[in-house]
Amino acid sequence: MDARTIYQLRLDAIERAERLLEEHEAEVVARENLLERAVAIGIQPSHENWQQEVEVALRSIPRRNNSNNGMIVAMLKGWEDLIVNLEKHASELRRKDAEITEREQAVQNREKAVQQQQEQLVEERRRLAESQEALINIRVAVEKRTRDLNLREVELARRTRIVEDENSRKAKQIAEETAVKIRLREKERELETRQDQCEEVLNALNELCGRVELLI
C-alpha cells in the first residue's frame, strides 16, 4: 500500500466521522427548531395536548439509540486507532521517503560526477584526437622532409661523383700534361745535346774546311 492510498483512506475516515457528527448536530438543531416552532405557534402549557404534540414531533425525528452510539464510538475509536496507525505508517513512509530522497540525491550526485567524468573523458578524447591529428601532420611533414633530404642526398651524391670524376679527369689530365711536359723537357735537353753535338760537328767541319783551303 503506497502513501497516496494511505492518505486517501485517512481522508475517507475523517470525512465519514465528520458526516456522523453533522448528522448528530442536525438532529440537535431539529429538536431545537421544533421547540422554537412550538413556542412560535402559540402552544402553551394550558393546552391539554401541547406536550403530546411536541413529543410526537420529536419522535418523528430519527434518533440514535445507545447501541448505535456505542457502535459509533467504537467505530470512531477504531478510526482513531487506524488514523494513529496510519500516521505512524505515514511517519515511517516519510522517513523512508527521506532516506530514498537522500539516496536519490546521492545517486544524482554520483550521476553528476559520472557525467562530469564523462565530459572530461570526452574532452580528453577530443584533445587526444587533436594530438593524434597533429602527430599525423607532423609525421607527414617529417616523411616529406625525409624524402626531400633523400632526394637532396642522392643529388649531392650524384654531383659529388661528377665532381670526383671531374677531379679525377683533371688529375689525369694534369698527370698526362705533366708527363708530356717531362717528355718535352727531355726532348728539349736531347735536342740541346744534339744541337751542341751538331755545333761541334760544324765547328769540326769548318776547321777541316779551313785546313783543306789552306792545303789547296
Protein backbone atom coordinates (compact mmCIF):
# COMPACT_ATOMS: atom_id res chain seq x y z
CA MET A 1 0.00 0.00 0.00
CA ASP A 2 1.54 3.27 -1.05
CA ALA A 3 1.44 6.59 0.77
CA ARG A 4 -1.20 8.03 -1.54
CA THR A 5 -3.64 5.18 -0.78
CA ILE A 6 -2.99 5.53 2.95
CA TYR A 7 -3.67 9.27 2.83
CA GLN A 8 -6.86 8.64 0.85
CA LEU A 9 -8.10 6.11 3.45
CA ARG A 10 -7.33 8.59 6.18
CA LEU A 11 -9.30 11.31 4.41
CA ASP A 12 -12.24 8.95 3.84
CA ALA A 13 -12.32 8.00 7.53
CA ILE A 14 -12.22 11.64 8.58
CA GLU A 15 -14.99 12.51 6.14
CA ARG A 16 -17.18 9.67 7.47
CA ALA A 17 -16.63 10.87 11.04
CA GLU A 18 -17.48 14.42 10.01
CA ARG A 19 -20.70 13.23 8.35
CA LEU A 20 -21.76 11.39 11.53
CA LEU A 21 -21.06 14.49 13.61
CA GLU A 22 -23.01 16.62 11.14
CA GLU A 23 -25.98 14.22 11.37
CA HIS A 24 -25.87 14.39 15.17
CA GLU A 25 -25.69 18.19 15.07
CA ALA A 26 -28.57 18.24 12.58
CA GLU A 27 -30.68 16.14 14.97
CA VAL A 28 -30.00 18.52 17.86
CA VAL A 29 -30.76 21.54 15.66
CA ALA A 30 -34.01 19.89 14.51
CA ARG A 31 -35.10 19.33 18.10
CA GLU A 32 -34.35 22.94 18.95
CA ASN A 33 -36.25 24.14 15.88
CA LEU A 34 -39.31 22.05 16.81
CA LEU A 35 -39.33 23.51 20.29
CA GLU A 36 -38.98 27.02 18.87
CA ARG A 37 -41.82 26.35 16.41
CA ALA A 38 -43.96 25.01 19.22
CA VAL A 39 -43.46 28.24 21.09
CA ALA A 40 -43.95 30.31 17.92
CA ILE A 41 -47.36 28.76 17.03
CA GLY A 42 -48.66 29.58 20.46
CA ILE A 43 -48.75 26.16 22.02
CA GLN A 44 -48.98 26.91 25.72
CA PRO A 45 -48.89 24.62 28.72
CA SER A 46 -52.56 25.48 29.28
CA HIS A 47 -53.36 23.47 26.19
CA GLU A 48 -54.02 19.92 27.08
CA ASN A 49 -52.19 18.31 24.19
CA TRP A 50 -49.17 20.64 23.75
CA GLN A 51 -46.70 18.29 25.37
CA GLN A 52 -48.10 15.35 23.44
CA GLU A 53 -47.79 17.21 20.14
CA VAL A 54 -44.21 18.18 20.85
CA GLU A 55 -43.29 14.63 21.82
CA VAL A 56 -44.97 13.32 18.67
CA ALA A 57 -43.00 15.82 16.61
CA LEU A 58 -39.76 14.88 18.34
CA ARG A 59 -40.42 11.19 17.86
CA SER A 60 -40.75 11.85 14.14
CA ILE A 61 -37.00 12.68 14.04
CA PRO A 62 -34.73 9.64 13.67
CA ARG A 63 -32.88 9.08 16.91
CA ARG A 64 -29.73 7.22 17.71
CA ASN A 65 -30.14 4.62 20.38
CA ASN A 66 -27.43 3.74 22.84
CA SER A 67 -26.33 0.71 20.84
CA ASN A 68 -25.87 2.88 17.75
CA ASN A 69 -23.98 5.43 19.83
CA GLY A 70 -21.78 2.64 21.15
CA MET A 71 -21.17 1.41 17.64
CA ILE A 72 -20.37 4.93 16.53
CA VAL A 73 -17.99 5.42 19.45
CA ALA A 74 -16.36 2.07 18.76
CA MET A 75 -16.17 2.95 15.06
CA LEU A 76 -14.68 6.34 15.86
CA LYS A 77 -12.23 4.67 18.25
CA GLY A 78 -11.31 2.19 15.53
CA TRP A 79 -10.88 5.04 13.08
CA GLU A 80 -8.78 6.93 15.59
CA ASP A 81 -6.62 3.85 16.06
CA LEU A 82 -6.46 3.45 12.31
CA ILE A 83 -5.54 7.11 11.95
CA VAL A 84 -2.82 6.69 14.61
CA ASN A 85 -1.51 3.63 12.82
CA LEU A 86 -1.74 5.42 9.52
CA GLU A 87 0.13 8.37 11.00
CA LYS A 88 2.81 6.01 12.30
CA HIS A 89 2.94 4.31 8.94
CA ALA A 90 2.99 7.69 7.21
CA SER A 91 5.81 8.77 9.53
CA GLU A 92 7.69 5.61 8.63
CA LEU A 93 6.94 6.26 4.98
CA ARG A 94 8.15 9.84 5.35
CA ARG A 95 11.31 8.54 7.00
CA LYS A 96 11.79 6.02 4.21
CA ASP A 97 10.91 8.71 1.69
CA ALA A 98 13.55 10.95 3.26
CA GLU A 99 16.05 8.08 3.08
CA ILE A 100 15.07 7.39 -0.52
CA THR A 101 15.31 11.11 -1.28
CA GLU A 102 18.75 11.19 0.32
CA ARG A 103 19.79 8.11 -1.65
CA GLU A 104 18.32 9.63 -4.80
CA GLN A 105 20.27 12.81 -4.09
CA ALA A 106 23.41 10.73 -3.59
CA VAL A 107 22.69 8.88 -6.82
CA GLN A 108 22.08 12.20 -8.59
CA ASN A 109 25.37 13.49 -7.19
CA ARG A 110 27.12 10.33 -8.38
CA GLU A 111 25.41 10.62 -11.76
CA LYS A 112 26.51 14.25 -11.89
CA ALA A 113 30.05 13.22 -11.00
CA VAL A 114 29.92 10.46 -13.61
CA GLN A 115 28.56 12.97 -16.12
CA GLN A 116 31.41 15.33 -15.29
CA GLN A 117 33.88 12.46 -15.66
CA GLN A 118 32.29 11.54 -18.98
CA GLU A 119 32.54 15.15 -20.11
CA GLN A 120 36.19 15.17 -19.01
CA LEU A 121 36.75 11.92 -20.90
CA VAL A 122 35.09 13.41 -23.97
CA GLU A 123 37.33 16.47 -23.63
CA GLU A 124 40.39 14.25 -23.17
CA ARG A 125 39.36 12.20 -26.20
CA ARG A 126 38.96 15.41 -28.19
CA ARG A 127 42.40 16.58 -27.10
CA LEU A 128 43.83 13.13 -27.84
CA ALA A 129 42.22 13.20 -31.29
CA GLU A 130 43.68 16.65 -31.88
CA SER A 131 47.09 15.44 -30.66
CA GLN A 132 46.87 12.37 -32.91
CA GLU A 133 45.91 14.58 -35.84
CA ALA A 134 48.83 16.89 -35.05
CA LEU A 135 51.16 13.88 -34.81
CA ILE A 136 49.87 12.61 -38.14
CA ASN A 137 50.52 16.02 -39.68
CA ILE A 138 54.00 16.08 -38.13
CA ARG A 139 54.65 12.54 -39.38
CA VAL A 140 53.55 13.52 -42.87
CA ALA A 141 55.77 16.61 -42.72
CA VAL A 142 58.71 14.53 -41.42
CA GLU A 143 58.21 11.93 -44.15
CA LYS A 144 58.08 14.67 -46.77
CA ARG A 145 61.17 16.28 -45.27
CA THR A 146 62.89 12.88 -45.23
CA ARG A 147 62.02 12.31 -48.88
CA ASP A 148 63.31 15.77 -49.73
CA LEU A 149 66.52 15.10 -47.80
CA ASN A 150 66.93 11.74 -49.50
CA LEU A 151 66.49 13.39 -52.88
CA ARG A 152 68.96 16.08 -51.92
CA GLU A 153 71.36 13.40 -50.68
CA VAL A 154 71.02 11.48 -53.94
CA GLU A 155 71.54 14.68 -55.90
CA LEU A 156 74.51 15.58 -53.71
CA ALA A 157 76.00 12.12 -54.21
CA ARG A 158 75.48 12.45 -57.96
CA ARG A 159 77.09 15.86 -58.01
CA THR A 160 79.87 14.58 -55.76
CA ARG A 161 80.53 11.75 -58.18
CA ILE A 162 80.52 14.23 -61.03
CA VAL A 163 82.97 16.45 -59.16
CA GLU A 164 85.09 13.47 -58.23
CA ASP A 165 85.04 12.27 -61.81
CA GLU A 166 85.92 15.76 -62.97
CA ASN A 167 88.68 15.99 -60.40
CA SER A 168 89.91 12.57 -61.43
CA ARG A 169 89.78 13.60 -65.07
CA LYS A 170 91.59 16.82 -64.29
CA ALA A 171 94.13 14.97 -62.19
CA LYS A 172 94.64 12.50 -65.01
CA GLN A 173 94.87 15.35 -67.47
CA ILE A 174 97.36 17.14 -65.25
CA ALA A 175 99.33 13.94 -64.91
CA GLU A 176 99.29 13.49 -68.66
CA GLU A 177 100.26 17.12 -69.19
CA THR A 178 103.00 16.75 -66.63
CA ALA A 179 104.23 13.62 -68.35
CA VAL A 180 104.12 15.43 -71.69
CA LYS A 181 106.00 18.37 -70.22
CA ILE A 182 108.57 16.00 -68.79
CA ARG A 183 108.93 14.31 -72.15
CA LEU A 184 109.15 17.69 -73.85
CA ARG A 185 111.84 18.83 -71.45
CA GLU A 186 113.68 15.59 -72.03
CA LYS A 187 113.36 16.08 -75.79
CA GLU A 188 114.48 19.68 -75.38
CA ARG A 189 117.50 18.54 -73.42
CA GLU A 190 118.07 15.87 -76.03
CA LEU A 191 117.74 18.45 -78.81
CA GLU A 192 120.05 20.78 -76.97
CA THR A 193 122.51 17.98 -76.63
CA ARG A 194 122.20 17.13 -80.33
CA GLN A 195 122.45 20.84 -81.18
CA ASP A 196 125.64 21.03 -79.19
CA GLN A 197 126.90 17.97 -80.96
CA CYS A 198 125.87 19.44 -84.33
CA GLU A 199 127.65 22.67 -83.49
CA GLU A 200 130.74 20.69 -82.54
CA VAL A 201 130.47 18.76 -85.81
CA LEU A 202 130.03 22.03 -87.73
CA ASN A 203 132.94 23.55 -85.94
CA ALA A 204 134.98 20.50 -86.73
CA LEU A 205 133.87 20.66 -90.38
CA ASN A 206 134.62 24.36 -90.54
CA GLU A 207 138.02 23.71 -89.12
CA LEU A 208 138.51 20.88 -91.56
CA CYS A 209 137.34 23.05 -94.45
CA GLY A 210 139.81 25.74 -93.35
CA ARG A 211 142.62 23.27 -93.38
CA VAL A 212 141.55 21.96 -96.77
CA GLU A 213 141.52 25.51 -98.14
CA LEU A 214 144.96 26.04 -96.73
CA LEU A 215 146.19 22.93 -98.40
CA ILE A 216 144.68 23.97 -101.70
